[in-house]
């Protein structure tokens, strides 16, 4: 067997071993892992929606732009409430987003209810 043939078999063997290692490392996720991943995706979706819609609604109502909430309250499954402290246009604002509603379910600015949807 020539050196070229030996080299070819060595490369093919390395590829075969690589495929076997990758195939064995891909294990099926357990139901608990799937559920945890689903909960994380849901929370990220709710949080992204709140971070997009709430500042727009507050800007529309007060004329003041808000960026980072001063407080965040959530059960990490169904809702998230973001709270801001204002400087010029308002003193405090609270915005709640429920995943089941798909938008702002409650917006309170300076103790005045702007949006209130039933859940």
C-alpha atoms as a PDB file:
ATOM      1  CA  UNK A   1       0.000   0.000   0.000  1.00  0.00           C
ATOM      2  CA  UNK A   2       1.469   3.334  -1.036  1.00  0.00           C
ATOM      3  CA  UNK A   3       1.843   6.377   1.159  1.00  0.00           C
ATOM      4  CA  UNK A   4      -0.919   8.173  -0.760  1.00  0.00           C
ATOM      5  CA  UNK A   5      -3.347   5.314  -0.115  1.00  0.00           C
ATOM      6  CA  UNK A   6      -2.480   5.279   3.580  1.00  0.00           C
ATOM      7  CA  UNK A   7      -3.064   9.037   3.757  1.00  0.00           C
ATOM      8  CA  UNK A   8      -6.424   8.687   1.969  1.00  0.00           C
ATOM      9  CA  UNK A   9      -7.575   5.961   4.393  1.00  0.00           C
ATOM     10  CA  UNK A  10      -6.461   8.061   7.362  1.00  0.00           C
ATOM     11  CA  UNK A  11      -8.472  11.064   6.149  1.00  0.00           C
ATOM     12  CA  UNK A  12     -11.539   8.892   5.492  1.00  0.00           C
ATOM     13  CA  UNK A  13     -11.172   7.335   8.951  1.00  0.00           C
ATOM     14  CA  UNK A  14     -10.998  10.769  10.563  1.00  0.00           C
ATOM     15  CA  UNK A  15     -14.186  11.801   8.746  1.00  0.00           C
ATOM     16  CA  UNK A  16     -15.950   8.606   9.828  1.00  0.00           C
ATOM     17  CA  UNK A  17     -14.926   9.110  13.462  1.00  0.00           C
ATOM     18  CA  UNK A  18     -16.106  12.733  13.278  1.00  0.00           C
ATOM     19  CA  UNK A  19     -19.545  11.725  11.959  1.00  0.00           C
ATOM     20  CA  UNK A  20     -19.872   9.081  14.678  1.00  0.00           C
ATOM     21  CA  UNK A  21     -18.934  11.548  17.434  1.00  0.00           C
ATOM     22  CA  UNK A  22     -21.409  14.161  16.151  1.00  0.00           C
ATOM     23  CA  UNK A  23     -24.150  11.541  15.799  1.00  0.00           C
ATOM     24  CA  UNK A  24     -23.657  10.273  19.346  1.00  0.00           C
ATOM     25  CA  UNK A  25     -23.518  13.766  20.852  1.00  0.00           C
ATOM     26  CA  UNK A  26     -26.923  14.742  19.476  1.00  0.00           C
ATOM     27  CA  UNK A  27     -29.225  13.431  22.157  1.00  0.00           C
ATOM     28  CA  UNK A  28     -32.968  13.910  22.186  1.00  0.00           C
ATOM     29  CA  UNK A  29     -34.153  16.623  24.561  1.00  0.00           C
ATOM     30  CA  UNK A  30     -36.213  15.521  27.510  1.00  0.00           C
ATOM     31  CA  UNK A  31     -39.743  16.907  27.943  1.00  0.00           C
ATOM     32  CA  UNK A  32     -38.500  19.043  30.846  1.00  0.00           C
ATOM     33  CA  UNK A  33     -35.786  20.589  28.671  1.00  0.00           C
ATOM     34  CA  UNK A  34     -38.300  21.306  25.908  1.00  0.00           C
ATOM     35  CA  UNK A  35     -40.679  22.912  28.393  1.00  0.00           C
ATOM     36  CA  UNK A  36     -37.928  25.078  29.887  1.00  0.00           C
ATOM     37  CA  UNK A  37     -36.811  26.213  26.426  1.00  0.00           C
ATOM     38  CA  UNK A  38     -40.403  27.037  25.508  1.00  0.00           C
ATOM     39  CA  UNK A  39     -40.867  29.107  28.677  1.00  0.00           C
ATOM     40  CA  UNK A  40     -37.690  31.057  27.963  1.00  0.00           C
ATOM     41  CA  UNK A  41     -38.778  31.775  24.371  1.00  0.00           C
ATOM     42  CA  UNK A  42     -42.202  32.921  25.611  1.00  0.00           C
ATOM     43  CA  UNK A  43     -40.678  35.263  28.208  1.00  0.00           C
ATOM     44  CA  UNK A  44     -38.276  36.733  25.665  1.00  0.00           C
ATOM     45  CA  UNK A  45     -41.185  37.344  23.291  1.00  0.00           C
ATOM     46  CA  UNK A  46     -43.250  39.113  25.964  1.00  0.00           C
ATOM     47  CA  UNK A  47     -40.264  41.198  27.052  1.00  0.00           C
ATOM     48  CA  UNK A  48     -39.403  42.180  23.478  1.00  0.00           C
ATOM     49  CA  UNK A  49     -42.996  43.206  22.832  1.00  0.00           C
ATOM     50  CA  UNK A  50     -43.065  45.315  26.014  1.00  0.00           C
ATOM     51  CA  UNK A  51     -39.728  46.969  25.208  1.00  0.00           C
ATOM     52  CA  UNK A  52     -41.047  47.915  21.776  1.00  0.00           C
ATOM     53  CA  UNK A  53     -44.646  48.960  22.446  1.00  0.00           C
ATOM     54  CA  UNK A  54     -44.473  50.583  25.897  1.00  0.00           C
ATOM     55  CA  UNK A  55     -41.921  53.325  25.121  1.00  0.00           C
ATOM     56  CA  UNK A  56     -43.890  54.205  21.965  1.00  0.00           C
ATOM     57  CA  UNK A  57     -47.139  54.505  23.935  1.00  0.00           C
ATOM     58  CA  UNK A  58     -45.514  56.623  26.656  1.00  0.00           C
ATOM     59  CA  UNK A  59     -43.944  58.914  24.045  1.00  0.00           C
ATOM     60  CA  UNK A  60     -47.316  59.327  22.343  1.00  0.00           C
ATOM     61  CA  UNK A  61     -49.058  60.201  25.630  1.00  0.00           C
ATOM     62  CA  UNK A  62     -46.407  62.386  27.299  1.00  0.00           C
ATOM     63  CA  UNK A  63     -44.032  63.556  24.602  1.00  0.00           C
ATOM     64  CA  UNK A  64     -41.116  62.224  26.656  1.00  0.00           C
ATOM     65  CA  UNK A  65     -38.931  59.404  25.399  1.00  0.00           C
ATOM     66  CA  UNK A  66     -38.102  56.605  27.810  1.00  0.00           C
ATOM     67  CA  UNK A  67     -35.327  54.104  27.383  1.00  0.00           C
ATOM     68  CA  UNK A  68     -34.534  51.861  30.348  1.00  0.00           C
ATOM     69  CA  UNK A  69     -37.194  50.938  32.905  1.00  0.00           C
ATOM     70  CA  UNK A  70     -36.416  51.675  36.537  1.00  0.00           C
ATOM     71  CA  UNK A  71     -38.224  48.516  37.642  1.00  0.00           C
ATOM     72  CA  UNK A  72     -39.439  45.294  36.056  1.00  0.00           C
ATOM     73  CA  UNK A  73     -42.064  42.993  37.563  1.00  0.00           C
ATOM     74  CA  UNK A  74     -42.996  39.652  35.999  1.00  0.00           C
ATOM     75  CA  UNK A  75     -44.083  36.103  36.728  1.00  0.00           C
ATOM     76  CA  UNK A  76     -41.768  35.085  33.846  1.00  0.00           C
ATOM     77  CA  UNK A  77     -44.601  33.169  32.168  1.00  0.00           C
ATOM     78  CA  UNK A  78     -47.613  35.312  31.332  1.00  0.00           C
ATOM     79  CA  UNK A  79     -46.935  39.017  31.866  1.00  0.00           C
ATOM     80  CA  UNK A  80     -44.325  41.701  32.354  1.00  0.00           C
ATOM     81  CA  UNK A  81     -44.742  45.152  33.889  1.00  0.00           C
ATOM     82  CA  UNK A  82     -42.187  47.836  33.120  1.00  0.00           C
ATOM     83  CA  UNK A  83     -42.031  50.988  35.261  1.00  0.00           C
ATOM     84  CA  UNK A  84     -40.305  54.262  34.465  1.00  0.00           C
ATOM     85  CA  UNK A  85     -39.570  57.426  36.384  1.00  0.00           C
ATOM     86  CA  UNK A  86     -40.018  60.483  34.178  1.00  0.00           C
ATOM     87  CA  UNK A  87     -38.177  63.761  34.122  1.00  0.00           C
ATOM     88  CA  UNK A  88     -40.300  66.305  32.256  1.00  0.00           C
ATOM     89  CA  UNK A  89     -43.543  64.941  30.792  1.00  0.00           C
ATOM     90  CA  UNK A  90     -44.558  62.651  33.669  1.00  0.00           C
ATOM     91  CA  UNK A  91     -43.505  61.499  37.126  1.00  0.00           C
ATOM     92  CA  UNK A  92     -44.052  57.753  36.845  1.00  0.00           C
ATOM     93  CA  UNK A  93     -45.380  55.343  34.256  1.00  0.00           C
ATOM     94  CA  UNK A  94     -46.304  51.675  34.380  1.00  0.00           C
ATOM     95  CA  UNK A  95     -46.905  49.486  31.350  1.00  0.00           C
ATOM     96  CA  UNK A  96     -48.083  45.861  31.497  1.00  0.00           C
ATOM     97  CA  UNK A  97     -48.015  43.399  28.612  1.00  0.00           C
ATOM     98  CA  UNK A  98     -49.714  39.992  28.758  1.00  0.00           C
ATOM     99  CA  UNK A  99     -48.608  37.370  26.261  1.00  0.00           C
ATOM    100  CA  UNK A 100     -52.181  36.193  25.689  1.00  0.00           C
ATOM    101  CA  UNK A 101     -53.355  39.652  24.602  1.00  0.00           C
ATOM    102  CA  UNK A 102     -50.455  40.367  22.283  1.00  0.00           C
ATOM    103  CA  UNK A 103     -50.118  44.016  23.195  1.00  0.00           C
ATOM    104  CA  UNK A 104     -50.313  46.536  25.986  1.00  0.00           C
ATOM    105  CA  UNK A 105     -52.960  45.469  28.468  1.00  0.00           C
ATOM    106  CA  UNK A 106     -52.476  48.273  30.977  1.00  0.00           C
ATOM    107  CA  UNK A 107     -50.818  51.674  30.746  1.00  0.00           C
ATOM    108  CA  UNK A 108     -50.831  53.985  33.756  1.00  0.00           C
ATOM    109  CA  UNK A 109     -49.146  57.394  33.670  1.00  0.00           C
ATOM    110  CA  UNK A 110     -49.114  59.493  36.854  1.00  0.00           C
ATOM    111  CA  UNK A 111     -51.901  57.355  38.371  1.00  0.00           C
ATOM    112  CA  UNK A 112     -54.120  57.991  35.342  1.00  0.00           C
ATOM    113  CA  UNK A 113     -55.248  54.834  33.538  1.00  0.00           C
ATOM    114  CA  UNK A 114     -54.681  55.286  29.805  1.00  0.00           C
ATOM    115  CA  UNK A 115     -55.209  51.682  28.650  1.00  0.00           C
ATOM    116  CA  UNK A 116     -56.982  48.947  30.602  1.00  0.00           C
ATOM    117  CA  UNK A 117     -57.871  45.701  28.803  1.00  0.00           C
ATOM    118  CA  UNK A 118     -59.536  42.742  30.438  1.00  0.00           C
ATOM    119  CA  UNK A 119     -57.452  39.612  30.575  1.00  0.00           C
END
